[in-house]
PDB file of all heavy atoms in Angstrom:
ATOM      1  N   GLN A   1    -125.306 -13.300 145.450  1.00  0.00           N
ATOM      2  CA  GLN A   1    -124.320 -12.797 146.426  1.00  0.00           C
ATOM      3  C   GLN A   1    -125.016 -12.029 147.651  1.00  0.00           C
ATOM      4  O   GLN A   1    -124.481 -12.123 148.827  1.00  0.00           O
ATOM      5  CB  GLN A   1    -123.220 -12.052 145.838  1.00  0.00           C
ATOM      6  CG  GLN A   1    -122.376 -12.897 144.895  1.00  0.00           C
ATOM      7  CD  GLN A   1    -121.369 -12.197 144.054  1.00  0.00           C
ATOM      8  OE1 GLN A   1    -121.759 -11.216 143.408  1.00  0.00           O
ATOM      9  NE2 GLN A   1    -120.150 -12.582 144.112  1.00  0.00           N
ATOM     10  N   GLU A   2    -125.991 -11.307 147.437  1.00  0.00           N
ATOM     11  CA  GLU A   2    -126.701 -10.408 148.275  1.00  0.00           C
ATOM     12  C   GLU A   2    -127.762 -11.227 149.010  1.00  0.00           C
ATOM     13  O   GLU A   2    -128.528 -10.633 149.788  1.00  0.00           O
ATOM     14  CB  GLU A   2    -127.267  -9.102 147.504  1.00  0.00           C
ATOM     15  CG  GLU A   2    -126.186  -8.260 147.042  1.00  0.00           C
ATOM     16  CD  GLU A   2    -126.718  -7.095 146.260  1.00  0.00           C
ATOM     17  OE1 GLU A   2    -127.996  -6.979 146.031  1.00  0.00           O
ATOM     18  OE2 GLU A   2    -125.981  -6.305 145.757  1.00  0.00           O
ATOM     19  N   LYS A   3    -127.917 -12.406 148.696  1.00  0.00           N
ATOM     20  CA  LYS A   3    -128.957 -13.370 149.445  1.00  0.00           C
ATOM     21  C   LYS A   3    -130.253 -12.771 149.392  1.00  0.00           C
ATOM     22  O   LYS A   3    -131.018 -12.558 150.377  1.00  0.00           O
ATOM     23  CB  LYS A   3    -128.479 -13.674 150.829  1.00  0.00           C
ATOM     24  CG  LYS A   3    -127.119 -14.344 150.989  1.00  0.00           C
ATOM     25  CD  LYS A   3    -126.748 -14.671 152.365  1.00  0.00           C
ATOM     26  CE  LYS A   3    -125.383 -15.313 152.481  1.00  0.00           C
ATOM     27  NZ  LYS A   3    -124.976 -16.350 151.631  1.00  0.00           N
ATOM     28  N   GLN A   4    -130.820 -12.335 148.211  1.00  0.00           N
ATOM     29  CA  GLN A   4    -132.071 -11.851 147.962  1.00  0.00           C
ATOM     30  C   GLN A   4    -133.214 -12.771 147.949  1.00  0.00           C
ATOM     31  O   GLN A   4    -134.331 -12.313 147.648  1.00  0.00           O
ATOM     32  CB  GLN A   4    -132.049 -10.913 146.736  1.00  0.00           C
ATOM     33  CG  GLN A   4    -131.141  -9.654 146.819  1.00  0.00           C
ATOM     34  CD  GLN A   4    -131.182  -8.759 145.651  1.00  0.00           C
ATOM     35  OE1 GLN A   4    -132.183  -8.809 144.936  1.00  0.00           O
ATOM     36  NE2 GLN A   4    -130.140  -8.075 145.474  1.00  0.00           N
ATOM     37  N   GLY A   5    -132.991 -14.061 148.093  1.00  0.00           N
ATOM     38  CA  GLY A   5    -134.040 -15.048 147.998  1.00  0.00           C
ATOM     39  C   GLY A   5    -134.354 -15.454 146.471  1.00  0.00           C
ATOM     40  O   GLY A   5    -133.490 -15.727 145.705  1.00  0.00           O
ATOM     41  N   LEU A   6    -135.652 -15.382 146.252  1.00  0.00           N
ATOM     42  CA  LEU A   6    -136.135 -15.690 144.902  1.00  0.00           C
ATOM     43  C   LEU A   6    -136.341 -14.660 143.979  1.00  0.00           C
ATOM     44  O   LEU A   6    -137.050 -13.637 144.327  1.00  0.00           O
ATOM     45  CB  LEU A   6    -137.502 -16.492 145.068  1.00  0.00           C
ATOM     46  CG  LEU A   6    -138.198 -16.924 143.735  1.00  0.00           C
ATOM     47  CD1 LEU A   6    -137.432 -17.882 143.024  1.00  0.00           C
ATOM     48  CD2 LEU A   6    -139.626 -17.302 144.079  1.00  0.00           C
ATOM     49  N   LYS A   7    -135.693 -14.538 142.823  1.00  0.00           N
ATOM     50  CA  LYS A   7    -135.918 -13.451 141.948  1.00  0.00           C
ATOM     51  C   LYS A   7    -136.009 -14.025 140.529  1.00  0.00           C
ATOM     52  O   LYS A   7    -135.694 -15.073 140.172  1.00  0.00           O
ATOM     53  CB  LYS A   7    -134.531 -12.608 141.853  1.00  0.00           C
ATOM     54  CG  LYS A   7    -134.029 -12.127 143.214  1.00  0.00           C
ATOM     55  CD  LYS A   7    -135.042 -11.105 143.703  1.00  0.00           C
ATOM     56  CE  LYS A   7    -135.116  -9.731 143.084  1.00  0.00           C
ATOM     57  NZ  LYS A   7    -135.939  -8.774 143.783  1.00  0.00           N
ATOM     58  N   ILE A   8    -136.882 -13.209 139.734  1.00  0.00           N
ATOM     59  CA  ILE A   8    -137.174 -13.794 138.369  1.00  0.00           C
ATOM     60  C   ILE A   8    -136.939 -12.588 137.340  1.00  0.00           C
ATOM     61  O   ILE A   8    -137.477 -11.507 137.542  1.00  0.00           O
ATOM     62  CB  ILE A   8    -138.687 -14.186 138.191  1.00  0.00           C
ATOM     63  CG1 ILE A   8    -139.038 -15.240 139.330  1.00  0.00           C
ATOM     64  CG2 ILE A   8    -139.021 -14.752 136.820  1.00  0.00           C
ATOM     65  CD1 ILE A   8    -140.466 -15.620 139.382  1.00  0.00           C
ATOM     66  N   TYR A   9    -136.230 -12.935 136.322  1.00  0.00           N
ATOM     67  CA  TYR A   9    -135.909 -11.903 135.230  1.00  0.00           C
ATOM     68  C   TYR A   9    -136.125 -12.417 133.906  1.00  0.00           C
ATOM     69  O   TYR A   9    -135.767 -13.540 133.583  1.00  0.00           O
ATOM     70  CB  TYR A   9    -134.572 -11.292 135.478  1.00  0.00           C
ATOM     71  CG  TYR A   9    -134.167 -10.764 136.795  1.00  0.00           C
ATOM     72  CD1 TYR A   9    -133.501 -11.524 137.763  1.00  0.00           C
ATOM     73  CD2 TYR A   9    -134.584  -9.439 137.113  1.00  0.00           C
ATOM     74  CE1 TYR A   9    -133.211 -10.938 138.946  1.00  0.00           C
ATOM     75  CE2 TYR A   9    -134.298  -8.944 138.370  1.00  0.00           C
ATOM     76  CZ  TYR A   9    -133.602  -9.672 139.218  1.00  0.00           C
ATOM     77  OH  TYR A   9    -133.319  -9.149 140.424  1.00  0.00           O
ATOM     78  N   ASN A  10    -136.782 -11.647 132.974  1.00  0.00           N
ATOM     79  CA  ASN A  10    -136.704 -11.838 131.523  1.00  0.00           C
ATOM     80  C   ASN A  10    -135.403 -11.294 131.081  1.00  0.00           C
ATOM     81  O   ASN A  10    -134.796 -10.194 131.396  1.00  0.00           O
ATOM     82  CB  ASN A  10    -137.816 -11.006 130.873  1.00  0.00           C
ATOM     83  CG  ASN A  10    -139.128 -11.622 131.045  1.00  0.00           C
ATOM     84  OD1 ASN A  10    -139.427 -12.733 131.294  1.00  0.00           O
ATOM     85  ND2 ASN A  10    -140.322 -10.825 130.981  1.00  0.00           N
ATOM     86  N   LEU A  11    -134.674 -12.073 130.167  1.00  0.00           N
ATOM     87  CA  LEU A  11    -133.531 -11.626 129.523  1.00  0.00           C
ATOM     88  C   LEU A  11    -133.922 -11.546 127.961  1.00  0.00           C
ATOM     89  O   LEU A  11    -134.026 -12.672 127.409  1.00  0.00           O
ATOM     90  CB  LEU A  11    -132.332 -12.440 129.673  1.00  0.00           C
ATOM     91  CG  LEU A  11    -131.792 -12.450 131.195  1.00  0.00           C
ATOM     92  CD1 LEU A  11    -130.567 -13.291 131.253  1.00  0.00           C
ATOM     93  CD2 LEU A  11    -131.497 -11.160 131.725  1.00  0.00           C
ATOM     94  N   GLY A  12    -134.027 -10.253 127.482  1.00  0.00           N
ATOM     95  CA  GLY A  12    -134.271 -10.249 125.946  1.00  0.00           C
ATOM     96  C   GLY A  12    -133.992  -8.782 125.525  1.00  0.00           C
ATOM     97  O   GLY A  12    -133.507  -7.941 126.335  1.00  0.00           O
ATOM     98  N   THR A  13    -134.244  -8.547 124.224  1.00  0.00           N
ATOM     99  CA  THR A  13    -133.973  -7.077 123.742  1.00  0.00           C
ATOM    100  C   THR A  13    -135.194  -6.262 123.854  1.00  0.00           C
ATOM    101  O   THR A  13    -135.022  -5.064 123.732  1.00  0.00           O
ATOM    102  CB  THR A  13    -133.619  -7.240 122.320  1.00  0.00           C
ATOM    103  OG1 THR A  13    -134.679  -7.774 121.509  1.00  0.00           O
ATOM    104  CG2 THR A  13    -132.342  -8.179 122.041  1.00  0.00           C
ATOM    105  N   GLY A  14    -136.404  -6.902 124.061  1.00  0.00           N
ATOM    106  CA  GLY A  14    -137.541  -6.094 124.047  1.00  0.00           C
ATOM    107  C   GLY A  14    -138.105  -5.833 122.680  1.00  0.00           C
ATOM    108  O   GLY A  14    -139.110  -5.030 122.706  1.00  0.00           O
ATOM    109  N   LYS A  15    -137.474  -6.398 121.777  1.00  0.00           N
ATOM    110  CA  LYS A  15    -137.847  -6.123 120.291  1.00  0.00           C
ATOM    111  C   LYS A  15    -138.175  -7.425 119.561  1.00  0.00           C
ATOM    112  O   LYS A  15    -137.437  -8.400 119.634  1.00  0.00           O
ATOM    113  CB  LYS A  15    -136.745  -5.437 119.499  1.00  0.00           C
ATOM    114  CG  LYS A  15    -136.414  -3.966 120.075  1.00  0.00           C
ATOM    115  CD  LYS A  15    -135.182  -3.596 119.450  1.00  0.00           C
ATOM    116  CE  LYS A  15    -134.805  -2.212 119.951  1.00  0.00           C
ATOM    117  NZ  LYS A  15    -133.389  -1.725 119.445  1.00  0.00           N
ATOM    118  N   GLY A  16    -139.349  -7.396 118.871  1.00  0.00           N
ATOM    119  CA  GLY A  16    -139.800  -8.611 118.242  1.00  0.00           C
ATOM    120  C   GLY A  16    -139.128  -8.530 116.741  1.00  0.00           C
ATOM    121  O   GLY A  16    -139.285  -7.579 115.987  1.00  0.00           O
ATOM    122  N   THR A  17    -138.725  -9.733 116.281  1.00  0.00           N
ATOM    123  CA  THR A  17    -138.095  -9.829 115.106  1.00  0.00           C
ATOM    124  C   THR A  17    -138.691 -11.083 114.344  1.00  0.00           C
ATOM    125  O   THR A  17    -138.667 -12.202 114.765  1.00  0.00           O
ATOM    126  CB  THR A  17    -136.552 -10.032 114.933  1.00  0.00           C
ATOM    127  OG1 THR A  17    -136.039  -8.880 115.707  1.00  0.00           O
ATOM    128  CG2 THR A  17    -135.983 -10.160 113.633  1.00  0.00           C
ATOM    129  N   SER A  18    -139.369 -10.999 113.220  1.00  0.00           N
ATOM    130  CA  SER A  18    -139.889 -12.173 112.456  1.00  0.00           C
ATOM    131  C   SER A  18    -138.853 -12.924 111.791  1.00  0.00           C
ATOM    132  O   SER A  18    -137.683 -12.568 111.661  1.00  0.00           O
ATOM    133  CB  SER A  18    -140.870 -11.646 111.435  1.00  0.00           C
ATOM    134  OG  SER A  18    -140.202 -11.274 110.267  1.00  0.00           O
ATOM    135  N   VAL A  19    -139.183 -14.152 111.371  1.00  0.00           N
ATOM    136  CA  VAL A  19    -138.223 -15.030 110.655  1.00  0.00           C
ATOM    137  C   VAL A  19    -137.878 -14.337 109.377  1.00  0.00           C
ATOM    138  O   VAL A  19    -136.539 -14.315 109.133  1.00  0.00           O
ATOM    139  CB  VAL A  19    -138.936 -16.443 110.392  1.00  0.00           C
ATOM    140  CG1 VAL A  19    -137.984 -17.283 109.676  1.00  0.00           C
ATOM    141  CG2 VAL A  19    -139.313 -17.023 111.635  1.00  0.00           C
ATOM    142  N   LEU A  20    -138.670 -13.786 108.674  1.00  0.00           N
ATOM    143  CA  LEU A  20    -138.243 -13.129 107.432  1.00  0.00           C
ATOM    144  C   LEU A  20    -137.357 -11.901 107.687  1.00  0.00           C
ATOM    145  O   LEU A  20    -136.382 -11.628 107.003  1.00  0.00           O
ATOM    146  CB  LEU A  20    -139.464 -12.823 106.503  1.00  0.00           C
ATOM    147  CG  LEU A  20    -140.141 -13.795 105.786  1.00  0.00           C
ATOM    148  CD1 LEU A  20    -141.384 -13.321 105.003  1.00  0.00           C
ATOM    149  CD2 LEU A  20    -139.116 -14.478 104.667  1.00  0.00           C
ATOM    150  N   ASP A  21    -137.745 -11.171 108.845  1.00  0.00           N
ATOM    151  CA  ASP A  21    -136.792 -10.170 109.173  1.00  0.00           C
ATOM    152  C   ASP A  21    -135.412 -10.542 109.451  1.00  0.00           C
ATOM    153  O   ASP A  21    -134.379  -9.919 109.180  1.00  0.00           O
ATOM    154  CB  ASP A  21    -137.301  -9.348 110.399  1.00  0.00           C
ATOM    155  CG  ASP A  21    -138.586  -8.533 110.185  1.00  0.00           C
ATOM    156  OD1 ASP A  21    -138.827  -8.135 109.056  1.00  0.00           O
ATOM    157  OD2 ASP A  21    -139.349  -8.381 111.239  1.00  0.00           O
ATOM    158  N   LEU A  22    -135.286 -11.670 110.227  1.00  0.00           N
ATOM    159  CA  LEU A  22    -134.020 -12.267 110.532  1.00  0.00           C
ATOM    160  C   LEU A  22    -133.150 -12.572 109.250  1.00  0.00           C
ATOM    161  O   LEU A  22    -132.066 -12.427 109.102  1.00  0.00           O
ATOM    162  CB  LEU A  22    -134.170 -13.418 111.473  1.00  0.00           C
ATOM    163  CG  LEU A  22    -132.908 -13.995 111.954  1.00  0.00           C
ATOM    164  CD1 LEU A  22    -132.078 -13.034 113.009  1.00  0.00           C
ATOM    165  CD2 LEU A  22    -133.081 -15.277 112.785  1.00  0.00           C
ATOM    166  N   VAL A  23    -133.889 -13.377 108.349  1.00  0.00           N
ATOM    167  CA  VAL A  23    -133.205 -13.734 107.091  1.00  0.00           C
ATOM    168  C   VAL A  23    -132.738 -12.617 106.360  1.00  0.00           C
ATOM    169  O   VAL A  23    -131.544 -12.436 105.761  1.00  0.00           O
ATOM    170  CB  VAL A  23    -134.230 -14.509 106.200  1.00  0.00           C
ATOM    171  CG1 VAL A  23    -133.697 -14.767 104.859  1.00  0.00           C
ATOM    172  CG2 VAL A  23    -134.598 -15.871 106.871  1.00  0.00           C
ATOM    173  N   LYS A  24    -133.603 -11.515 106.260  1.00  0.00           N
ATOM    174  CA  LYS A  24    -133.095 -10.196 105.498  1.00  0.00           C
ATOM    175  C   LYS A  24    -131.880  -9.602 106.202  1.00  0.00           C
ATOM    176  O   LYS A  24    -131.050  -9.071 105.601  1.00  0.00           O
ATOM    177  CB  LYS A  24    -134.363  -9.244 105.470  1.00  0.00           C
ATOM    178  CG  LYS A  24    -135.504  -9.644 104.492  1.00  0.00           C
ATOM    179  CD  LYS A  24    -136.656  -8.870 104.547  1.00  0.00           C
ATOM    180  CE  LYS A  24    -137.654  -9.348 103.721  1.00  0.00           C
ATOM    181  NZ  LYS A  24    -139.050  -8.664 103.944  1.00  0.00           N
ATOM    182  N   ALA A  25    -132.011  -9.558 107.621  1.00  0.00           N
ATOM    183  CA  ALA A  25    -130.784  -9.036 108.339  1.00  0.00           C
ATOM    184  C   ALA A  25    -129.550  -9.744 108.158  1.00  0.00           C
ATOM    185  O   ALA A  25    -128.485  -9.279 107.965  1.00  0.00           O
ATOM    186  CB  ALA A  25    -131.148  -8.966 109.880  1.00  0.00           C
ATOM    187  N   TYR A  26    -129.695 -11.103 107.987  1.00  0.00           N
ATOM    188  CA  TYR A  26    -128.566 -12.017 107.676  1.00  0.00           C
ATOM    189  C   TYR A  26    -128.080 -11.646 106.299  1.00  0.00           C
ATOM    190  O   TYR A  26    -126.699 -11.616 106.143  1.00  0.00           O
ATOM    191  CB  TYR A  26    -129.077 -13.404 107.846  1.00  0.00           C
ATOM    192  CG  TYR A  26    -127.886 -14.488 107.921  1.00  0.00           C
ATOM    193  CD1 TYR A  26    -127.537 -14.942 109.100  1.00  0.00           C
ATOM    194  CD2 TYR A  26    -127.172 -15.033 106.750  1.00  0.00           C
ATOM    195  CE1 TYR A  26    -126.531 -16.029 109.304  1.00  0.00           C
ATOM    196  CE2 TYR A  26    -126.101 -15.889 106.928  1.00  0.00           C
ATOM    197  CZ  TYR A  26    -125.830 -16.374 108.226  1.00  0.00           C
ATOM    198  OH  TYR A  26    -124.814 -17.289 108.322  1.00  0.00           O
ATOM    199  N   ASP A  27    -128.968 -11.411 105.412  1.00  0.00           N
ATOM    200  CA  ASP A  27    -128.450 -11.178 103.998  1.00  0.00           C
ATOM    201  C   ASP A  27    -127.659  -9.794 104.132  1.00  0.00           C
ATOM    202  O   ASP A  27    -126.532  -9.696 103.438  1.00  0.00           O
ATOM    203  CB  ASP A  27    -129.631 -11.014 103.059  1.00  0.00           C
ATOM    204  CG  ASP A  27    -130.238 -12.337 102.867  1.00  0.00           C
ATOM    205  OD1 ASP A  27    -129.676 -13.382 103.043  1.00  0.00           O
ATOM    206  OD2 ASP A  27    -131.412 -12.263 102.229  1.00  0.00           O
ATOM    207  N   GLU A  28    -128.237  -8.873 104.772  1.00  0.00           N
ATOM    208  CA  GLU A  28    -127.606  -7.499 104.852  1.00  0.00           C
ATOM    209  C   GLU A  28    -126.203  -7.622 105.605  1.00  0.00           C
ATOM    210  O   GLU A  28    -125.331  -6.935 105.118  1.00  0.00           O
ATOM    211  CB  GLU A  28    -128.574  -6.532 105.683  1.00  0.00           C
ATOM    212  CG  GLU A  28    -127.986  -5.210 105.844  1.00  0.00           C
ATOM    213  CD  GLU A  28    -128.935  -4.405 106.827  1.00  0.00           C
ATOM    214  OE1 GLU A  28    -129.985  -4.764 106.937  1.00  0.00           O
ATOM    215  OE2 GLU A  28    -128.293  -3.453 107.359  1.00  0.00           O
ATOM    216  N   ALA A  29    -126.230  -8.239 106.738  1.00  0.00           N
ATOM    217  CA  ALA A  29    -124.947  -8.326 107.428  1.00  0.00           C
ATOM    218  C   ALA A  29    -123.738  -8.920 106.815  1.00  0.00           C
ATOM    219  O   ALA A  29    -122.643  -8.567 106.945  1.00  0.00           O
ATOM    220  CB  ALA A  29    -125.165  -9.009 108.823  1.00  0.00           C
ATOM    221  N   ASN A  30    -124.162  -9.992 105.938  1.00  0.00           N
ATOM    222  CA  ASN A  30    -123.098 -10.791 105.331  1.00  0.00           C
ATOM    223  C   ASN A  30    -122.974 -10.763 103.960  1.00  0.00           C
ATOM    224  O   ASN A  30    -122.163 -11.522 103.318  1.00  0.00           O
ATOM    225  CB  ASN A  30    -123.277 -12.290 105.892  1.00  0.00           C
ATOM    226  CG  ASN A  30    -123.201 -12.259 107.391  1.00  0.00           C
ATOM    227  OD1 ASN A  30    -122.291 -11.852 107.967  1.00  0.00           O
ATOM    228  ND2 ASN A  30    -124.429 -12.850 108.024  1.00  0.00           N
ATOM    229  N   ASN A  31    -123.713  -9.957 103.176  1.00  0.00           N
ATOM    230  CA  ASN A  31    -123.795  -9.908 101.683  1.00  0.00           C
ATOM    231  C   ASN A  31    -123.986 -11.265 101.176  1.00  0.00           C
ATOM    232  O   ASN A  31    -123.173 -11.666 100.283  1.00  0.00           O
ATOM    233  CB  ASN A  31    -122.574  -9.103 101.367  1.00  0.00           C
ATOM    234  CG  ASN A  31    -122.555  -8.685  99.818  1.00  0.00           C
ATOM    235  OD1 ASN A  31    -123.651  -8.514  99.230  1.00  0.00           O
ATOM    236  ND2 ASN A  31    -121.480  -8.645  99.119  1.00  0.00           N
ATOM    237  N   ILE A  32    -124.962 -11.822 101.599  1.00  0.00           N
ATOM    238  CA  ILE A  32    -125.208 -13.250 101.163  1.00  0.00           C
ATOM    239  C   ILE A  32    -126.846 -13.386 100.888  1.00  0.00           C
ATOM    240  O   ILE A  32    -127.592 -12.644 101.553  1.00  0.00           O
ATOM    241  CB  ILE A  32    -124.697 -14.264 102.214  1.00  0.00           C
ATOM    242  CG1 ILE A  32    -124.675 -15.698 101.601  1.00  0.00           C
ATOM    243  CG2 ILE A  32    -125.471 -14.212 103.466  1.00  0.00           C
ATOM    244  CD1 ILE A  32    -123.644 -16.499 102.508  1.00  0.00           C
ATOM    245  N   GLN A  33    -127.174 -14.249  99.994  1.00  0.00           N
ATOM    246  CA  GLN A  33    -128.563 -14.483  99.752  1.00  0.00           C
ATOM    247  C   GLN A  33    -128.969 -15.892 100.302  1.00  0.00           C
ATOM    248  O   GLN A  33    -128.528 -16.933  99.850  1.00  0.00           O
ATOM    249  CB  GLN A  33    -128.911 -14.461  98.332  1.00  0.00           C
ATOM    250  CG  GLN A  33    -130.317 -14.120  98.061  1.00  0.00           C
ATOM    251  CD  GLN A  33    -130.743 -12.728  98.151  1.00  0.00           C
ATOM    252  OE1 GLN A  33    -129.982 -11.768  98.132  1.00  0.00           O
ATOM    253  NE2 GLN A  33    -131.930 -12.595  98.542  1.00  0.00           N
ATOM    254  N   ILE A  34    -129.792 -15.941 101.384  1.00  0.00           N
ATOM    255  CA  ILE A  34    -130.191 -17.226 101.940  1.00  0.00           C
ATOM    256  C   ILE A  34    -131.476 -17.710 101.218  1.00  0.00           C
ATOM    257  O   ILE A  34    -132.528 -17.045 101.117  1.00  0.00           O
ATOM    258  CB  ILE A  34    -130.504 -17.124 103.366  1.00  0.00           C
ATOM    259  CG1 ILE A  34    -129.301 -16.668 104.223  1.00  0.00           C
ATOM    260  CG2 ILE A  34    -131.122 -18.398 103.913  1.00  0.00           C
ATOM    261  CD1 ILE A  34    -128.216 -17.787 104.197  1.00  0.00           C
ATOM    262  N   LYS A  35    -131.308 -18.867 100.647  1.00  0.00           N
ATOM    263  CA  LYS A  35    -132.286 -19.487  99.893  1.00  0.00           C
ATOM    264  C   LYS A  35    -133.361 -20.108 100.868  1.00  0.00           C
ATOM    265  O   LYS A  35    -133.042 -20.730 101.907  1.00  0.00           O
ATOM    266  CB  LYS A  35    -131.921 -20.608  98.985  1.00  0.00           C
ATOM    267  CG  LYS A  35    -132.977 -21.208  98.146  1.00  0.00           C
ATOM    268  CD  LYS A  35    -132.352 -22.446  97.347  1.00  0.00           C
ATOM    269  CE  LYS A  35    -133.514 -22.957  96.416  1.00  0.00           C
ATOM    270  NZ  LYS A  35    -132.825 -24.246  95.742  1.00  0.00           N
ATOM    271  N   TYR A  36    -134.693 -19.829 100.651  1.00  0.00           N
ATOM    272  CA  TYR A  36    -135.690 -20.400 101.637  1.00  0.00           C
ATOM    273  C   TYR A  36    -136.975 -20.718 100.869  1.00  0.00           C
ATOM    274  O   TYR A  36    -137.312 -20.291  99.803  1.00  0.00           O
ATOM    275  CB  TYR A  36    -136.067 -19.339 102.839  1.00  0.00           C
ATOM    276  CG  TYR A  36    -136.701 -18.082 102.313  1.00  0.00           C
ATOM    277  CD1 TYR A  36    -138.137 -17.921 102.257  1.00  0.00           C
ATOM    278  CD2 TYR A  36    -135.928 -16.824 102.071  1.00  0.00           C
ATOM    279  CE1 TYR A  36    -138.749 -16.835 101.871  1.00  0.00           C
ATOM    280  CE2 TYR A  36    -136.704 -15.799 101.677  1.00  0.00           C
ATOM    281  CZ  TYR A  36    -138.031 -15.718 101.510  1.00  0.00           C
ATOM    282  OH  TYR A  36    -138.643 -14.578 101.192  1.00  0.00           O
ATOM    283  N   GLN A  37    -137.787 -21.602 101.682  1.00  0.00           N
ATOM    284  CA  GLN A  37    -139.054 -21.984 101.128  1.00  0.00           C
ATOM    285  C   GLN A  37    -140.141 -21.896 102.299  1.00  0.00           C
ATOM    286  O   GLN A  37    -139.617 -22.011 103.513  1.00  0.00           O
ATOM    287  CB  GLN A  37    -139.104 -23.397 100.507  1.00  0.00           C
ATOM    288  CG  GLN A  37    -138.713 -24.470 101.560  1.00  0.00           C
ATOM    289  CD  GLN A  37    -138.452 -25.786 100.870  1.00  0.00           C
ATOM    290  OE1 GLN A  37    -138.429 -26.013  99.672  1.00  0.00           O
ATOM    291  NE2 GLN A  37    -138.393 -26.877 101.761  1.00  0.00           N
ATOM    292  N   ILE A  38    -141.335 -21.823 102.051  1.00  0.00           N
ATOM    293  CA  ILE A  38    -142.285 -21.871 103.126  1.00  0.00           C
ATOM    294  C   ILE A  38    -142.957 -23.074 103.270  1.00  0.00           C
ATOM    295  O   ILE A  38    -143.387 -23.792 102.269  1.00  0.00           O
ATOM    296  CB  ILE A  38    -143.391 -20.711 102.829  1.00  0.00           C
ATOM    297  CG1 ILE A  38    -142.867 -19.347 102.451  1.00  0.00           C
ATOM    298  CG2 ILE A  38    -144.505 -20.685 103.881  1.00  0.00           C
ATOM    299  CD1 ILE A  38    -142.169 -18.780 103.668  1.00  0.00           C
ATOM    300  N   GLY A  39    -143.008 -23.545 104.566  1.00  0.00           N
ATOM    301  CA  GLY A  39    -143.585 -24.877 104.842  1.00  0.00           C
ATOM    302  C   GLY A  39    -144.828 -24.766 105.773  1.00  0.00           C
ATOM    303  O   GLY A  39    -145.051 -23.530 106.092  1.00  0.00           O
ATOM    304  N   PRO A  40    -145.370 -25.750 106.209  1.00  0.00           N
ATOM    305  CA  PRO A  40    -146.470 -25.655 107.148  1.00  0.00           C
ATOM    306  C   PRO A  40    -146.052 -25.261 108.515  1.00  0.00           C
ATOM    307  O   PRO A  40    -144.892 -25.342 108.859  1.00  0.00           O
ATOM    308  CB  PRO A  40    -147.036 -27.100 107.216  1.00  0.00           C
ATOM    309  CG  PRO A  40    -145.923 -28.017 106.745  1.00  0.00           C
ATOM    310  CD  PRO A  40    -145.013 -27.262 105.837  1.00  0.00           C
ATOM    311  N   ARG A  41    -146.893 -24.739 109.394  1.00  0.00           N
ATOM    312  CA  ARG A  41    -146.664 -24.370 110.690  1.00  0.00           C
ATOM    313  C   ARG A  41    -146.087 -25.634 111.503  1.00  0.00           C
ATOM    314  O   ARG A  41    -146.380 -26.790 111.162  1.00  0.00           O
ATOM    315  CB  ARG A  41    -147.921 -24.048 111.480  1.00  0.00           C
ATOM    316  CG  ARG A  41    -148.403 -22.675 111.051  1.00  0.00           C
ATOM    317  CD  ARG A  41    -149.516 -22.175 111.900  1.00  0.00           C
ATOM    318  NE  ARG A  41    -150.160 -21.135 111.592  1.00  0.00           N
ATOM    319  CZ  ARG A  41    -151.150 -20.287 112.265  1.00  0.00           C
ATOM    320  NH1 ARG A  41    -151.275 -20.811 113.549  1.00  0.00           N
ATOM    321  NH2 ARG A  41    -151.624 -19.159 111.852  1.00  0.00           N
ATOM    322  N   ARG A  42    -145.328 -25.303 112.402  1.00  0.00           N
ATOM    323  CA  ARG A  42    -144.625 -26.363 113.367  1.00  0.00           C
ATOM    324  C   ARG A  42    -145.372 -26.516 114.580  1.00  0.00           C
ATOM    325  O   ARG A  42    -145.815 -25.485 115.220  1.00  0.00           O
ATOM    326  CB  ARG A  42    -143.250 -26.079 113.594  1.00  0.00           C
ATOM    327  CG  ARG A  42    -142.405 -27.186 114.264  1.00  0.00           C
ATOM    328  CD  ARG A  42    -140.986 -26.806 114.358  1.00  0.00           C
ATOM    329  NE  ARG A  42    -140.696 -25.524 114.897  1.00  0.00           N
ATOM    330  CZ  ARG A  42    -139.547 -24.985 115.046  1.00  0.00           C
ATOM    331  NH1 ARG A  42    -138.435 -25.668 114.762  1.00  0.00           N
ATOM    332  NH2 ARG A  42    -139.472 -23.796 115.692  1.00  0.00           N
TER     333      ARG A  42
END
């Protein structure tokens, strides 16, 4: 709206969370146990 031309922004929290961290947070938030297995890299 202010006609500033070209602008670039990151949108994030600034905090890194691992896959296992996320699974644990999900368990904690919802009182549930997510079953998981480890596979090869993608």
